């Protein structure tokens, strides 16, 4: 399971784009909303999330009715993702 800490081995092929897409899904509350905001098709967003799940080795979302809920691993991954994106934005200033 993905854990966010000092001993975490992360697949270095995870792109910032995948992290941005994942963050949008979480902050906007769904794949469709994220796809619309990013100007891409819904299957593109879904594949980015699935790819991130494979690379992290954790399920990020659980389905609840027609919606998605972050799993515990997804919450930890989003905390990590948010930290990476925040630090990246600070570098761009």
N, C-alpha and C. Protein backbone atom coordinates (compact mmCIF):
# COMPACT_ATOMS: atom_id res chain seq x y z
N UNK A 1 0.84 -1.19 0.00
CA UNK A 1 0.00 0.00 0.00
C UNK A 1 0.88 1.25 0.00
N UNK A 2 0.41 2.27 -0.62
CA UNK A 2 1.12 3.55 -0.69
C UNK A 2 1.11 4.20 0.69
N UNK A 3 2.28 4.59 1.16
CA UNK A 3 2.37 5.36 2.40
C UNK A 3 3.20 6.60 2.11
N UNK A 4 2.85 7.67 2.68
CA UNK A 4 3.53 8.94 2.45
C UNK A 4 4.48 9.17 3.61
N UNK A 5 5.76 9.00 3.36
CA UNK A 5 6.75 9.18 4.40
C UNK A 5 8.15 9.04 3.84
N UNK A 6 9.10 8.93 4.70
CA UNK A 6 10.51 8.89 4.30
C UNK A 6 10.92 7.62 3.57
N UNK A 7 10.27 6.50 3.83
CA UNK A 7 10.69 5.23 3.27
C UNK A 7 9.90 4.83 2.03
N UNK A 8 9.24 5.74 1.39
CA UNK A 8 8.39 5.43 0.25
C UNK A 8 9.21 5.34 -1.02
N UNK A 9 8.98 4.26 -1.74
CA UNK A 9 9.62 4.09 -3.04
C UNK A 9 8.57 4.42 -4.09
N UNK A 10 8.77 5.51 -4.82
CA UNK A 10 7.80 6.00 -5.80
C UNK A 10 8.32 5.73 -7.21
N UNK A 11 7.44 5.30 -8.07
CA UNK A 11 7.76 5.10 -9.49
C UNK A 11 8.10 6.46 -10.08
N UNK A 12 9.31 6.62 -10.59
CA UNK A 12 9.74 7.93 -11.09
C UNK A 12 9.16 8.28 -12.45
N UNK A 13 8.30 7.42 -12.98
CA UNK A 13 7.65 7.72 -14.26
C UNK A 13 6.31 8.42 -14.06
N UNK A 14 6.01 8.82 -12.87
CA UNK A 14 4.76 9.54 -12.60
C UNK A 14 4.96 10.98 -13.03
N UNK A 15 4.19 11.42 -14.00
CA UNK A 15 4.35 12.77 -14.51
C UNK A 15 3.56 13.77 -13.68
N UNK A 16 3.99 15.01 -13.76
CA UNK A 16 3.23 16.09 -13.11
C UNK A 16 1.83 16.17 -13.71
N UNK A 17 1.71 15.86 -14.99
CA UNK A 17 0.39 15.89 -15.64
C UNK A 17 -0.56 14.91 -14.96
N UNK A 18 -0.10 13.71 -14.65
CA UNK A 18 -0.95 12.74 -13.97
C UNK A 18 -1.36 13.26 -12.59
N UNK A 19 -0.43 13.90 -11.92
CA UNK A 19 -0.75 14.46 -10.60
C UNK A 19 -1.76 15.58 -10.71
N UNK A 20 -1.61 16.43 -11.72
CA UNK A 20 -2.57 17.53 -11.95
C UNK A 20 -3.97 16.96 -12.23
N UNK A 21 -4.03 15.93 -13.06
CA UNK A 21 -5.32 15.33 -13.39
C UNK A 21 -5.95 14.74 -12.14
N UNK A 22 -5.19 13.98 -11.38
CA UNK A 22 -5.70 13.39 -10.13
C UNK A 22 -6.20 14.48 -9.19
N UNK A 23 -5.42 15.53 -9.04
CA UNK A 23 -5.82 16.64 -8.17
C UNK A 23 -7.14 17.26 -8.63
N UNK A 24 -7.29 17.43 -9.92
CA UNK A 24 -8.54 18.00 -10.45
C UNK A 24 -9.73 17.10 -10.17
N UNK A 25 -9.55 15.80 -10.33
CA UNK A 25 -10.64 14.86 -10.05
C UNK A 25 -11.07 15.00 -8.60
N UNK A 26 -10.10 15.07 -7.71
CA UNK A 26 -10.41 15.20 -6.28
C UNK A 26 -11.06 16.55 -5.98
N UNK A 27 -10.45 17.64 -6.42
CA UNK A 27 -10.96 18.96 -6.04
C UNK A 27 -12.28 19.30 -6.72
N UNK A 28 -12.51 18.78 -7.92
CA UNK A 28 -13.77 19.07 -8.61
C UNK A 28 -14.84 18.02 -8.36
N UNK A 29 -14.46 16.93 -7.72
CA UNK A 29 -15.45 15.94 -7.30
C UNK A 29 -15.86 14.92 -8.34
N UNK A 30 -15.07 14.74 -9.38
CA UNK A 30 -15.42 13.70 -10.34
C UNK A 30 -14.64 13.76 -11.62
N UNK A 31 -14.66 12.66 -12.33
CA UNK A 31 -13.93 12.52 -13.58
C UNK A 31 -14.50 13.44 -14.66
N UNK A 32 -15.82 13.48 -14.78
CA UNK A 32 -16.46 14.31 -15.81
C UNK A 32 -16.14 15.79 -15.63
N UNK A 33 -16.23 16.26 -14.41
CA UNK A 33 -15.92 17.66 -14.13
C UNK A 33 -14.47 17.98 -14.41
N UNK A 34 -13.58 17.06 -14.02
CA UNK A 34 -12.15 17.26 -14.28
C UNK A 34 -11.88 17.29 -15.78
N UNK A 35 -12.49 16.37 -16.52
CA UNK A 35 -12.29 16.31 -17.97
C UNK A 35 -12.75 17.62 -18.61
N UNK A 36 -13.90 18.11 -18.20
CA UNK A 36 -14.41 19.36 -18.75
C UNK A 36 -13.47 20.52 -18.44
N UNK A 37 -13.00 20.60 -17.21
CA UNK A 37 -12.11 21.69 -16.80
C UNK A 37 -10.77 21.63 -17.54
N UNK A 38 -10.31 20.40 -17.82
CA UNK A 38 -9.03 20.23 -18.49
C UNK A 38 -9.16 20.27 -20.01
N UNK A 39 -10.39 20.23 -20.50
CA UNK A 39 -10.61 20.27 -21.95
C UNK A 39 -10.22 18.98 -22.65
N UNK A 40 -10.40 17.85 -21.95
CA UNK A 40 -10.10 16.56 -22.54
C UNK A 40 -11.31 15.63 -22.37
N UNK A 41 -11.27 14.51 -23.07
CA UNK A 41 -12.35 13.54 -22.96
C UNK A 41 -12.26 12.79 -21.64
N UNK A 42 -13.41 12.36 -21.14
CA UNK A 42 -13.48 11.64 -19.87
C UNK A 42 -12.58 10.40 -19.85
N UNK A 43 -12.51 9.60 -20.94
CA UNK A 43 -11.63 8.42 -20.90
C UNK A 43 -10.15 8.78 -20.70
N UNK A 44 -9.74 9.96 -21.13
CA UNK A 44 -8.35 10.40 -20.92
C UNK A 44 -8.09 10.57 -19.43
N UNK A 45 -9.01 11.20 -18.74
CA UNK A 45 -8.87 11.40 -17.29
C UNK A 45 -8.88 10.06 -16.57
N UNK A 46 -9.81 9.19 -16.96
CA UNK A 46 -9.90 7.87 -16.35
C UNK A 46 -8.60 7.10 -16.51
N UNK A 47 -8.00 7.15 -17.69
CA UNK A 47 -6.74 6.43 -17.92
C UNK A 47 -5.59 7.03 -17.11
N UNK A 48 -5.56 8.34 -16.95
CA UNK A 48 -4.52 8.94 -16.10
C UNK A 48 -4.66 8.44 -14.66
N UNK A 49 -5.89 8.38 -14.17
CA UNK A 49 -6.11 7.91 -12.79
C UNK A 49 -5.72 6.44 -12.67
N UNK A 50 -6.12 5.62 -13.63
CA UNK A 50 -5.77 4.19 -13.59
C UNK A 50 -4.26 3.99 -13.65
N UNK A 51 -3.61 4.77 -14.49
CA UNK A 51 -2.15 4.68 -14.60
C UNK A 51 -1.49 5.05 -13.28
N UNK A 52 -1.98 6.10 -12.65
CA UNK A 52 -1.44 6.52 -11.36
C UNK A 52 -1.66 5.43 -10.31
N UNK A 53 -2.83 4.81 -10.33
CA UNK A 53 -3.10 3.71 -9.40
C UNK A 53 -2.11 2.57 -9.61
N UNK A 54 -1.86 2.22 -10.85
CA UNK A 54 -0.90 1.14 -11.14
C UNK A 54 0.49 1.50 -10.64
N UNK A 55 0.90 2.72 -10.88
CA UNK A 55 2.26 3.12 -10.51
C UNK A 55 2.44 3.29 -9.01
N UNK A 56 1.38 3.66 -8.32
CA UNK A 56 1.45 3.78 -6.86
C UNK A 56 1.14 2.46 -6.17
N UNK A 57 0.46 1.55 -6.89
CA UNK A 57 0.08 0.27 -6.31
C UNK A 57 -1.03 0.38 -5.30
N UNK A 58 -1.94 1.32 -5.52
CA UNK A 58 -3.04 1.52 -4.57
C UNK A 58 -4.28 1.98 -5.33
N UNK A 59 -5.44 1.54 -4.86
CA UNK A 59 -6.70 2.02 -5.42
C UNK A 59 -6.97 3.40 -4.82
N UNK A 60 -7.17 4.38 -5.70
CA UNK A 60 -7.35 5.76 -5.24
C UNK A 60 -8.79 6.10 -4.88
N UNK A 61 -9.72 5.51 -5.61
CA UNK A 61 -11.14 5.83 -5.42
C UNK A 61 -11.96 4.57 -5.23
N UNK A 62 -13.05 4.71 -4.51
CA UNK A 62 -14.07 3.67 -4.40
C UNK A 62 -15.36 4.29 -4.94
N UNK A 63 -16.13 3.50 -5.67
CA UNK A 63 -17.39 4.01 -6.20
C UNK A 63 -18.44 4.00 -5.10
N UNK A 64 -19.21 5.08 -5.07
CA UNK A 64 -20.35 5.15 -4.16
C UNK A 64 -21.52 5.65 -4.99
N UNK A 65 -22.41 4.74 -5.35
CA UNK A 65 -23.49 5.11 -6.25
C UNK A 65 -22.89 5.52 -7.58
N UNK A 66 -23.20 6.75 -7.99
CA UNK A 66 -22.63 7.28 -9.23
C UNK A 66 -21.40 8.14 -8.97
N UNK A 67 -21.03 8.29 -7.70
CA UNK A 67 -19.91 9.14 -7.35
C UNK A 67 -18.67 8.35 -6.97
N UNK A 68 -17.62 9.10 -6.67
CA UNK A 68 -16.36 8.51 -6.25
C UNK A 68 -15.98 9.03 -4.88
N UNK A 69 -15.43 8.16 -4.07
CA UNK A 69 -14.90 8.56 -2.77
C UNK A 69 -13.43 8.18 -2.73
N UNK A 70 -12.61 9.03 -2.16
CA UNK A 70 -11.20 8.69 -1.97
C UNK A 70 -11.08 7.54 -0.98
N UNK A 71 -10.25 6.58 -1.30
CA UNK A 71 -9.91 5.54 -0.34
C UNK A 71 -8.90 6.14 0.63
N UNK A 72 -8.54 5.37 1.64
CA UNK A 72 -7.50 5.84 2.56
C UNK A 72 -6.20 6.05 1.80
N UNK A 73 -5.86 5.09 0.93
CA UNK A 73 -4.68 5.24 0.09
C UNK A 73 -4.79 6.44 -0.83
N UNK A 74 -5.99 6.69 -1.33
CA UNK A 74 -6.22 7.85 -2.19
C UNK A 74 -6.03 9.16 -1.44
N UNK A 75 -6.46 9.18 -0.20
CA UNK A 75 -6.28 10.40 0.62
C UNK A 75 -4.79 10.66 0.85
N UNK A 76 -4.05 9.61 1.17
CA UNK A 76 -2.61 9.76 1.38
C UNK A 76 -1.92 10.18 0.08
N UNK A 77 -2.33 9.57 -1.03
CA UNK A 77 -1.75 9.92 -2.33
C UNK A 77 -2.08 11.36 -2.69
N UNK A 78 -3.30 11.82 -2.36
CA UNK A 78 -3.66 13.20 -2.67
C UNK A 78 -2.87 14.17 -1.81
N UNK A 79 -2.64 13.85 -0.56
CA UNK A 79 -1.80 14.70 0.29
C UNK A 79 -0.41 14.85 -0.33
N UNK A 80 0.16 13.71 -0.75
CA UNK A 80 1.48 13.71 -1.39
C UNK A 80 1.44 14.50 -2.69
N UNK A 81 0.42 14.25 -3.49
CA UNK A 81 0.25 14.93 -4.78
C UNK A 81 0.15 16.44 -4.57
N UNK A 82 -0.66 16.86 -3.64
CA UNK A 82 -0.85 18.29 -3.36
C UNK A 82 0.47 18.93 -2.95
N UNK A 83 1.24 18.22 -2.14
CA UNK A 83 2.54 18.73 -1.70
C UNK A 83 3.48 18.90 -2.89
N UNK A 84 3.54 17.90 -3.76
CA UNK A 84 4.41 17.96 -4.95
C UNK A 84 3.98 19.13 -5.84
N UNK A 85 2.69 19.26 -6.10
CA UNK A 85 2.21 20.33 -6.98
C UNK A 85 2.47 21.71 -6.37
N UNK A 86 2.28 21.83 -5.06
CA UNK A 86 2.53 23.10 -4.39
C UNK A 86 4.01 23.47 -4.51
N UNK A 87 4.89 22.51 -4.27
CA UNK A 87 6.33 22.76 -4.34
C UNK A 87 6.74 23.11 -5.79
N UNK A 88 6.14 22.46 -6.75
CA UNK A 88 6.43 22.73 -8.16
C UNK A 88 6.02 24.15 -8.52
N UNK A 89 4.87 24.57 -8.04
CA UNK A 89 4.41 25.94 -8.32
C UNK A 89 5.32 26.97 -7.66
N UNK A 90 5.82 26.65 -6.48
CA UNK A 90 6.75 27.57 -5.80
C UNK A 90 8.03 27.75 -6.61
N UNK A 91 8.48 26.70 -7.26
CA UNK A 91 9.69 26.79 -8.10
C UNK A 91 9.47 27.71 -9.29
N UNK A 92 8.23 27.79 -9.76
CA UNK A 92 7.92 28.58 -10.94
C UNK A 92 7.76 30.05 -10.67
N UNK A 93 7.84 30.46 -9.44
CA UNK A 93 7.66 31.89 -9.10
C UNK A 93 8.88 32.69 -9.41
